[in-house]
Protein backbone atom coordinates (compact mmCIF):
# COMPACT_ATOMS: atom_id res chain seq x y z
CA UNK A 1 118.21 93.71 87.07
CA UNK A 2 115.46 92.43 89.41
CA UNK A 3 116.81 93.29 92.58
CA UNK A 4 115.72 96.92 93.29
CA UNK A 5 116.89 96.87 97.06
CA UNK A 6 117.53 100.77 96.34
CA UNK A 7 114.62 103.09 96.82
CA UNK A 8 116.02 105.27 93.87
CA UNK A 9 114.21 102.91 91.47
CA UNK A 10 113.98 104.21 87.78
CA UNK A 11 110.16 103.36 88.09
CA UNK A 12 109.59 106.12 90.77
CA UNK A 13 111.07 108.65 88.85
CA UNK A 14 108.05 108.78 86.65
CA UNK A 15 106.14 111.24 89.34
CA UNK A 16 107.03 114.81 89.68
CA UNK A 17 107.17 114.33 93.09
CA UNK A 18 109.51 111.77 93.30
CA UNK A 19 112.02 113.40 90.67
CA UNK A 20 111.64 116.45 93.44
CA UNK A 21 112.78 114.11 95.92
CA UNK A 22 115.60 112.67 94.04
CA UNK A 23 116.80 115.92 92.95
CA UNK A 24 116.76 116.79 96.59
CA UNK A 25 118.88 114.14 97.87
CA UNK A 26 121.89 114.77 94.70
CA UNK A 27 121.69 118.64 96.26
CA UNK A 28 122.04 117.36 99.60
CA UNK A 29 124.58 114.84 99.53
CA UNK A 30 126.75 117.03 96.31
CA UNK A 31 126.90 120.05 98.48
CA UNK A 32 127.79 118.06 101.88
CA UNK A 33 130.42 116.20 99.96
CA UNK A 34 131.90 119.63 98.29
CA UNK A 35 131.92 121.66 102.04
CA UNK A 36 133.81 118.50 103.47
CA UNK A 37 136.99 119.39 101.27
CA UNK A 38 137.79 121.62 97.83
CA UNK A 39 134.71 122.15 95.66
CA UNK A 40 136.63 120.48 92.70
CA UNK A 41 135.82 116.65 92.10
CA UNK A 42 139.46 116.67 90.67
CA UNK A 43 140.81 117.11 93.89
CA UNK A 44 137.81 115.91 96.39
CA UNK A 45 137.22 112.05 95.83
CA UNK A 46 133.62 112.59 97.62
CA UNK A 47 132.93 115.01 95.68
CA UNK A 48 133.56 112.70 92.74
CA UNK A 49 131.45 109.99 94.15
CA UNK A 50 128.49 112.10 94.79
CA UNK A 51 128.72 113.13 91.00
CA UNK A 52 128.96 109.91 89.49
CA UNK A 53 126.14 108.45 92.12
CA UNK A 54 123.74 110.79 90.73
CA UNK A 55 124.94 111.58 87.29
CA UNK A 56 122.14 109.77 85.65
CA UNK A 57 119.21 110.70 88.02
CA UNK A 58 119.59 114.06 87.50
CA UNK A 59 120.12 117.16 85.18
CA UNK A 60 123.89 118.59 85.19
CA UNK A 61 122.50 121.96 86.22
CA UNK A 62 120.78 120.11 89.65
CA UNK A 63 124.90 119.32 90.20
CA UNK A 64 126.13 122.53 88.79
CA UNK A 65 123.62 124.54 91.27
CA UNK A 66 124.67 122.16 94.33
CA UNK A 67 128.61 122.70 94.11
CA UNK A 68 128.10 126.27 93.57
CA UNK A 69 126.03 126.63 96.73
CA UNK A 70 129.15 124.76 98.49
CA UNK A 71 131.44 127.52 97.04
CA UNK A 72 129.49 130.13 98.67
CA UNK A 73 129.90 131.41 102.44
CA UNK A 74 126.43 130.60 103.80
CA UNK A 75 127.17 126.51 105.75
CA UNK A 76 123.78 124.01 106.14
CA UNK A 77 124.62 121.38 108.75
CA UNK A 78 123.20 118.09 107.24
CA UNK A 79 123.47 115.30 109.88
CA UNK A 80 123.73 111.64 108.57
CA UNK A 81 121.15 109.00 110.33
CA UNK A 82 120.66 105.28 109.95
CA UNK A 83 117.57 103.69 111.30
CA UNK A 84 117.06 100.01 110.92
CA UNK A 85 113.61 98.13 110.79
CA UNK A 86 111.92 95.20 110.50
CA UNK A 87 109.18 94.95 107.66
CA UNK A 88 106.07 93.69 106.23
CA UNK A 89 106.75 89.76 105.20
CA UNK A 90 109.89 89.45 107.95
CA UNK A 91 111.63 92.51 105.68
CA UNK A 92 114.82 93.85 107.07
CA UNK A 93 114.73 97.57 105.71
CA UNK A 94 117.58 99.99 106.64
CA UNK A 95 116.82 103.95 106.13
CA UNK A 96 119.77 106.34 105.57
CA UNK A 97 118.55 109.92 106.23
CA UNK A 98 120.52 113.56 105.48
CA UNK A 99 118.91 116.26 107.47
CA UNK A 100 118.99 119.63 108.88
CA UNK A 101 116.55 118.41 111.69
CA UNK A 102 117.33 115.25 112.99
CA UNK A 103 114.32 114.53 115.32
CA UNK A 104 111.77 115.69 112.05
CA UNK A 105 113.46 112.93 110.31
CA UNK A 106 113.50 109.95 112.94
CA UNK A 107 109.29 110.92 113.36
CA UNK A 108 108.99 110.86 109.74
CA UNK A 109 110.77 107.47 108.75
CA UNK A 110 109.38 105.82 111.80
CA UNK A 111 105.60 107.20 111.06
CA UNK A 112 105.65 105.74 107.45
CA UNK A 113 107.31 102.59 108.48
CA UNK A 114 104.98 101.85 111.57
CA UNK A 115 102.14 102.70 109.24
CA UNK A 116 102.49 99.79 107.41
CA UNK A 117 103.52 97.25 110.21
CA UNK A 118 107.18 97.83 110.73
CA UNK A 119 108.71 98.23 113.79
CA UNK A 120 112.04 99.06 115.07
CA UNK A 121 114.71 96.34 114.92
CA UNK A 122 118.55 95.81 114.68
CA UNK A 123 118.69 94.32 111.14
CA UNK A 124 122.10 95.45 109.98
CA UNK A 125 123.73 92.20 110.51
CA UNK A 126 121.59 91.10 107.79
CA UNK A 127 123.65 93.40 104.96
CA UNK A 128 127.29 94.41 104.20
CA UNK A 129 128.73 97.59 103.27
CA UNK A 130 129.95 97.30 99.40
CA UNK A 131 131.00 99.26 96.45
CA UNK A 132 128.54 98.39 94.00
CA UNK A 133 129.08 98.39 90.37
CA UNK A 134 126.73 97.88 87.46
CA UNK A 135 127.27 98.00 83.64
CA UNK A 136 127.59 96.05 80.31
CA UNK A 137 130.57 95.10 78.72
CA UNK A 138 133.33 92.68 78.63
CA UNK A 139 132.46 88.98 79.51
CA UNK A 140 132.48 87.96 83.53
CA UNK A 141 135.86 86.04 83.86
CA UNK A 142 137.63 88.88 81.61
CA UNK A 143 136.14 91.25 84.33
CA UNK A 144 136.94 89.22 86.95
CA UNK A 145 140.60 87.81 86.29
CA UNK A 146 141.50 92.04 85.76
CA UNK A 147 140.08 92.59 89.02
CA UNK A 148 142.02 90.10 90.79
CA UNK A 149 145.13 91.12 88.84
CA UNK A 150 144.58 94.64 89.87
CA UNK A 151 144.62 93.44 93.72
CA UNK A 152 140.94 94.65 93.96
CA UNK A 153 139.50 92.96 97.14
CA UNK A 154 136.62 91.72 95.11
CA UNK A 155 133.32 89.88 96.64
CA UNK A 156 131.50 88.94 93.78
CA UNK A 157 131.03 89.27 89.99
CA UNK A 158 127.47 88.18 88.38
CA UNK A 159 125.97 89.01 84.92
CA UNK A 160 122.10 88.67 84.34
CA UNK A 161 119.91 87.71 81.76
CA UNK A 162 120.35 91.27 79.94
CA UNK A 163 124.26 90.62 80.37
CA UNK A 164 124.56 93.27 82.67
CA UNK A 165 127.16 92.58 85.14
CA UNK A 166 127.31 93.39 88.85
CA UNK A 167 130.27 93.56 90.77
CA UNK A 168 130.83 94.25 94.57
CA UNK A 169 133.66 95.00 96.14
CA UNK A 170 135.34 96.39 99.46
CA UNK A 171 134.43 99.87 99.47
CA UNK A 172 137.62 100.99 99.82
CA UNK A 173 138.53 99.28 96.38
CA UNK A 174 135.65 101.10 94.48
CA UNK A 175 137.73 103.78 92.61
CA UNK A 176 141.00 101.54 92.14
CA UNK A 177 138.05 99.08 90.37
CA UNK A 178 136.98 101.40 88.42
CA UNK A 179 140.62 102.41 86.98
CA UNK A 180 141.04 98.42 86.39
CA UNK A 181 137.45 98.18 84.42
CA UNK A 182 138.72 101.55 82.42
CA UNK A 183 141.49 99.72 81.06
CA UNK A 184 138.86 97.06 79.71
CA UNK A 185 137.06 100.10 77.83
CA UNK A 186 134.55 100.07 80.64
CA UNK A 187 133.47 103.77 81.52
CA UNK A 188 129.89 104.09 81.61
CA UNK A 189 127.82 102.73 84.33
CA UNK A 190 124.36 102.33 85.54
CA UNK A 191 125.27 102.35 89.31
CA UNK A 192 128.40 103.19 90.86
CA UNK A 193 128.46 103.86 94.82
CA UNK A 194 129.22 102.43 97.90
CA UNK A 195 125.56 100.83 99.83
CA UNK A 196 124.09 98.48 102.14
CA UNK A 197 123.60 95.04 99.99
CA UNK A 198 121.73 92.59 101.60
CA UNK A 199 123.38 89.00 102.30
CA UNK A 200 120.71 86.91 101.86
CA UNK A 201 117.55 87.49 99.19
CA UNK A 202 114.30 87.06 100.16
CA UNK A 203 110.52 87.33 98.07
CA UNK A 204 107.07 88.77 99.89
CA UNK A 205 104.03 88.27 98.18
CA UNK A 206 100.23 89.19 98.78
CA UNK A 207 99.60 91.95 101.24
CA UNK A 208 102.81 92.11 102.59
CA UNK A 209 104.39 93.08 99.55
CA UNK A 210 102.29 96.02 98.66
CA UNK A 211 102.19 97.15 102.23
CA UNK A 212 105.95 97.02 101.52
CA UNK A 213 105.52 99.10 97.88
CA UNK A 214 103.87 101.62 99.43
CA UNK A 215 106.07 101.94 102.16
CA UNK A 216 109.23 102.64 99.87
CA UNK A 217 107.07 104.96 97.76
CA UNK A 218 106.52 106.74 100.69
CA UNK A 219 110.06 107.00 102.45
CA UNK A 220 110.99 107.79 98.62
CA UNK A 221 109.29 110.91 98.57
CA UNK A 222 110.33 111.62 102.48
CA UNK A 223 112.34 115.12 102.62
CA UNK A 224 114.97 113.43 104.62
CA UNK A 225 115.38 110.20 103.59
CA UNK A 226 118.56 109.80 101.28
CA UNK A 227 118.93 106.31 100.70
CA UNK A 228 116.63 102.71 101.63
CA UNK A 229 117.83 99.52 101.37
CA UNK A 230 116.08 95.88 101.75
CA UNK A 231 116.45 92.47 101.72
CA UNK A 232 113.57 91.80 99.44
CA UNK A 233 114.02 90.76 96.04
CA UNK A 234 110.99 91.01 94.26
CA UNK A 235 110.04 94.86 94.71
């Protein structure tokens, strides 16, 4: 896909530092999900969703260790945060954090963004909270028909040049959509999560594009950053 709008892009996983950041995000999110209920994905929907989200991005032992940690007596209080920015070239950026130190998270994120010409601004209006599924399998029309007849609240079903489908649904219908798709033989997803999805895409060029790429890389490696979303299509 050309829309690398979330910072956990495969290209950034090449460096050891970026991989370490991904593993840390996975560990924190899975730990927090396991602590929110039973540490068993069979009965804990949030935990199951977190595992599915990171299943292709980190080794199984990273996931298993986070669940085992949640079963212990110690409790780490991870606090979620969300920060909105206007970035280079008129880009809109949302940064989600999960941290045990809110002040540190805010200072880190704001410093990274401001160094590359960004500033805090209300931009959430340009995104929608969506359930997103990316996969290869049946044809677009077959998928869309099955989802509609399965009473799934579908926003869109698109297909790219490689034949990969992208399904956007109401976040509360993500698991229902997966159940419908399972009947079509779809069980393997490149992406399966809820996220902030742009209402419209823009392109950024030249120096602004390089500043944005540098910003995204720095945010990707920041300790407290959990996810980053932007409306720039050509990253």
